[in-house]
Amino acid sequence: MKQEIIKFIDKKYNAAPEYLWRRYPTYCIFRHKNNNKWFALIGTVPRHILKLSGDGDIDFINIKTNDAEFFRGVKGILPAYHMNKNHWITILLDGTLPIKNVQNLIENSYELT
């Protein structure tokens, strides 16, 4: 799902992934061309970092929202990892949330930023 999301963002917004951190080679950000503001961050972390059960890593995307509180408790969505939890959410890219829903939330994040 991670690669599908990256392709969606690149095609829809002409925003290529930017890998900014040598220490975190799986993390990439996407930003607006006109104002350089980020509208998404994609990465991979060990499941325990997000307080999820099970072993191994999980892909995620952080996006901006105008109602983070609304998403609390929605399966597949968590308070933002390493971002402002009042304005950003983390979406697990494990298929819990259908890809169309993730794309809609990315569109909203793009509009907000």
C-alpha atoms as a PDB file:
ATOM      1  CA  MET A   1       0.000   0.000   0.000  1.00  0.00           C
ATOM      2  CA  LYS A   2       2.899   2.353   0.746  1.00  0.00           C
ATOM      3  CA  GLN A   3       4.106   2.325  -2.862  1.00  0.00           C
ATOM      4  CA  GLU A   4       0.573   2.864  -4.168  1.00  0.00           C
ATOM      5  CA  ILE A   5       0.214   5.929  -1.947  1.00  0.00           C
ATOM      6  CA  ILE A   6       3.574   7.318  -3.081  1.00  0.00           C
ATOM      7  CA  LYS A   7       2.541   6.880  -6.733  1.00  0.00           C
ATOM      8  CA  PHE A   8      -0.858   8.486  -6.050  1.00  0.00           C
ATOM      9  CA  ILE A   9       0.742  11.560  -4.446  1.00  0.00           C
ATOM     10  CA  ASP A  10       3.362  11.905  -7.169  1.00  0.00           C
ATOM     11  CA  LYS A  11       0.772  11.668  -9.948  1.00  0.00           C
ATOM     12  CA  LYS A  12      -1.973  13.802  -8.378  1.00  0.00           C
ATOM     13  CA  TYR A  13       0.204  16.559  -6.889  1.00  0.00           C
ATOM     14  CA  ASN A  14       3.436  16.245  -8.881  1.00  0.00           C
ATOM     15  CA  ALA A  15       5.182  15.847  -5.540  1.00  0.00           C
ATOM     16  CA  ALA A  16       8.046  13.400  -5.470  1.00  0.00           C
ATOM     17  CA  PRO A  17       9.067  11.868  -2.146  1.00  0.00           C
ATOM     18  CA  GLU A  18      11.909  13.641  -0.389  1.00  0.00           C
ATOM     19  CA  TYR A  19      14.108  11.515   1.853  1.00  0.00           C
ATOM     20  CA  LEU A  20      15.530  14.023   4.315  1.00  0.00           C
ATOM     21  CA  TRP A  21      17.026  11.903   7.088  1.00  0.00           C
ATOM     22  CA  ARG A  22      19.954   9.553   6.710  1.00  0.00           C
ATOM     23  CA  ARG A  23      19.075   8.064  10.096  1.00  0.00           C
ATOM     24  CA  TYR A  24      15.528   7.274   8.883  1.00  0.00           C
ATOM     25  CA  PRO A  25      15.909   6.042   5.301  1.00  0.00           C
ATOM     26  CA  THR A  26      12.286   4.828   5.076  1.00  0.00           C
ATOM     27  CA  TYR A  27      10.865   8.262   5.922  1.00  0.00           C
ATOM     28  CA  CYS A  28       9.856  10.578   3.112  1.00  0.00           C
ATOM     29  CA  ILE A  29       7.932  13.801   3.060  1.00  0.00           C
ATOM     30  CA  PHE A  30       5.751  15.411   0.437  1.00  0.00           C
ATOM     31  CA  ARG A  31       5.387  19.143   0.160  1.00  0.00           C
ATOM     32  CA  HIS A  32       3.608  21.766  -1.874  1.00  0.00           C
ATOM     33  CA  LYS A  33       5.579  23.185  -4.757  1.00  0.00           C
ATOM     34  CA  ASN A  34       4.366  26.740  -4.130  1.00  0.00           C
ATOM     35  CA  ASN A  35       4.900  27.109  -0.366  1.00  0.00           C
ATOM     36  CA  ASN A  36       7.123  24.136   0.618  1.00  0.00           C
ATOM     37  CA  LYS A  37       4.731  23.117   3.398  1.00  0.00           C
ATOM     38  CA  TRP A  38       4.522  19.427   4.137  1.00  0.00           C
ATOM     39  CA  PHE A  39       1.204  17.705   3.561  1.00  0.00           C
ATOM     40  CA  ALA A  40       2.308  14.122   4.203  1.00  0.00           C
ATOM     41  CA  LEU A  41       5.064  12.086   5.789  1.00  0.00           C
ATOM     42  CA  ILE A  42       5.427   8.364   5.071  1.00  0.00           C
ATOM     43  CA  GLY A  43       7.608   5.980   7.038  1.00  0.00           C
ATOM     44  CA  THR A  44       8.117   2.546   8.474  1.00  0.00           C
ATOM     45  CA  VAL A  45       8.561   1.838  12.187  1.00  0.00           C
ATOM     46  CA  PRO A  46       8.636  -1.176  14.466  1.00  0.00           C
ATOM     47  CA  ARG A  47       5.080  -1.934  15.570  1.00  0.00           C
ATOM     48  CA  HIS A  48       5.930  -1.425  19.253  1.00  0.00           C
ATOM     49  CA  ILE A  49       6.874   2.232  18.591  1.00  0.00           C
ATOM     50  CA  LEU A  50       3.203   2.892  17.779  1.00  0.00           C
ATOM     51  CA  LYS A  51       2.150   0.704  20.726  1.00  0.00           C
ATOM     52  CA  LEU A  52       0.782  -1.964  18.385  1.00  0.00           C
ATOM     53  CA  SER A  53       0.839  -5.657  19.185  1.00  0.00           C
ATOM     54  CA  GLY A  54       2.860  -8.102  17.164  1.00  0.00           C
ATOM     55  CA  ASP A  55       6.364  -8.197  15.808  1.00  0.00           C
ATOM     56  CA  GLY A  56       7.921  -6.541  12.817  1.00  0.00           C
ATOM     57  CA  ASP A  57       7.555  -3.181  11.144  1.00  0.00           C
ATOM     58  CA  ILE A  58       4.544  -1.277   9.882  1.00  0.00           C
ATOM     59  CA  ASP A  59       4.183   1.418   7.230  1.00  0.00           C
ATOM     60  CA  PHE A  60       2.348   4.623   8.118  1.00  0.00           C
ATOM     61  CA  ILE A  61       1.447   8.026   6.747  1.00  0.00           C
ATOM     62  CA  ASN A  62       1.061  11.218   8.766  1.00  0.00           C
ATOM     63  CA  ILE A  63      -1.363  13.749   7.355  1.00  0.00           C
ATOM     64  CA  LYS A  64      -2.820  17.032   8.510  1.00  0.00           C
ATOM     65  CA  THR A  65      -6.470  17.253   9.477  1.00  0.00           C
ATOM     66  CA  ASN A  66      -8.720  19.955  10.836  1.00  0.00           C
ATOM     67  CA  ASP A  67     -10.361  17.500  13.254  1.00  0.00           C
ATOM     68  CA  ALA A  68      -7.850  15.054  14.763  1.00  0.00           C
ATOM     69  CA  GLU A  69     -10.202  14.448  17.678  1.00  0.00           C
ATOM     70  CA  PHE A  70     -12.832  13.080  15.280  1.00  0.00           C
ATOM     71  CA  PHE A  71     -10.476  10.293  14.205  1.00  0.00           C
ATOM     72  CA  ARG A  72      -9.628   9.128  17.722  1.00  0.00           C
ATOM     73  CA  GLY A  73     -10.755   5.533  18.021  1.00  0.00           C
ATOM     74  CA  VAL A  74     -11.123   4.915  14.272  1.00  0.00           C
ATOM     75  CA  LYS A  75      -9.495   1.588  13.470  1.00  0.00           C
ATOM     76  CA  GLY A  76      -6.258   2.102  11.549  1.00  0.00           C
ATOM     77  CA  ILE A  77      -5.849   5.742  12.653  1.00  0.00           C
ATOM     78  CA  LEU A  78      -3.716   6.844  15.602  1.00  0.00           C
ATOM     79  CA  PRO A  79      -2.664  10.128  17.174  1.00  0.00           C
ATOM     80  CA  ALA A  80       0.162  11.505  15.069  1.00  0.00           C
ATOM     81  CA  TYR A  81       3.557   9.909  15.487  1.00  0.00           C
ATOM     82  CA  HIS A  82       6.230  12.615  15.887  1.00  0.00           C
ATOM     83  CA  MET A  83       3.856  15.395  14.814  1.00  0.00           C
ATOM     84  CA  ASN A  84       1.417  17.777  16.499  1.00  0.00           C
ATOM     85  CA  LYS A  85      -1.385  15.504  17.714  1.00  0.00           C
ATOM     86  CA  ASN A  86      -3.945  18.318  17.537  1.00  0.00           C
ATOM     87  CA  HIS A  87      -3.524  18.805  13.800  1.00  0.00           C
ATOM     88  CA  TRP A  88      -2.002  15.575  12.446  1.00  0.00           C
ATOM     89  CA  ILE A  89      -2.975  11.895  12.468  1.00  0.00           C
ATOM     90  CA  THR A  90      -1.114   8.690  11.695  1.00  0.00           C
ATOM     91  CA  ILE A  91      -2.776   6.237   9.331  1.00  0.00           C
ATOM     92  CA  LEU A  92      -1.542   2.656   9.267  1.00  0.00           C
ATOM     93  CA  LEU A  93      -0.821   1.526   5.733  1.00  0.00           C
ATOM     94  CA  ASP A  94      -1.723  -2.085   6.443  1.00  0.00           C
ATOM     95  CA  GLY A  95      -5.071  -2.194   4.659  1.00  0.00           C
ATOM     96  CA  THR A  96      -7.145  -1.527   7.783  1.00  0.00           C
ATOM     97  CA  LEU A  97      -8.382   1.666   6.155  1.00  0.00           C
ATOM     98  CA  PRO A  98      -9.275   1.272   2.454  1.00  0.00           C
ATOM     99  CA  ILE A  99      -6.859   3.013   0.102  1.00  0.00           C
ATOM    100  CA  LYS A 100      -9.616   5.285  -1.254  1.00  0.00           C
ATOM    101  CA  ASN A 101     -10.230   6.597   2.277  1.00  0.00           C
ATOM    102  CA  VAL A 102      -6.499   7.215   2.712  1.00  0.00           C
ATOM    103  CA  GLN A 103      -6.400   9.080  -0.606  1.00  0.00           C
ATOM    104  CA  ASN A 104      -9.344  11.249   0.456  1.00  0.00           C
ATOM    105  CA  LEU A 105      -7.581  12.131   3.706  1.00  0.00           C
ATOM    106  CA  ILE A 106      -4.400  13.005   1.775  1.00  0.00           C
ATOM    107  CA  GLU A 107      -6.465  15.313  -0.449  1.00  0.00           C
ATOM    108  CA  ASN A 108      -7.830  17.012   2.662  1.00  0.00           C
ATOM    109  CA  SER A 109      -4.310  17.401   4.082  1.00  0.00           C
ATOM    110  CA  TYR A 110      -3.152  18.939   0.813  1.00  0.00           C
ATOM    111  CA  GLU A 111      -6.003  21.456   0.935  1.00  0.00           C
ATOM    112  CA  LEU A 112      -5.266  22.358   4.565  1.00  0.00           C
ATOM    113  CA  THR A 113      -1.608  23.036   3.962  1.00  0.00           C
END
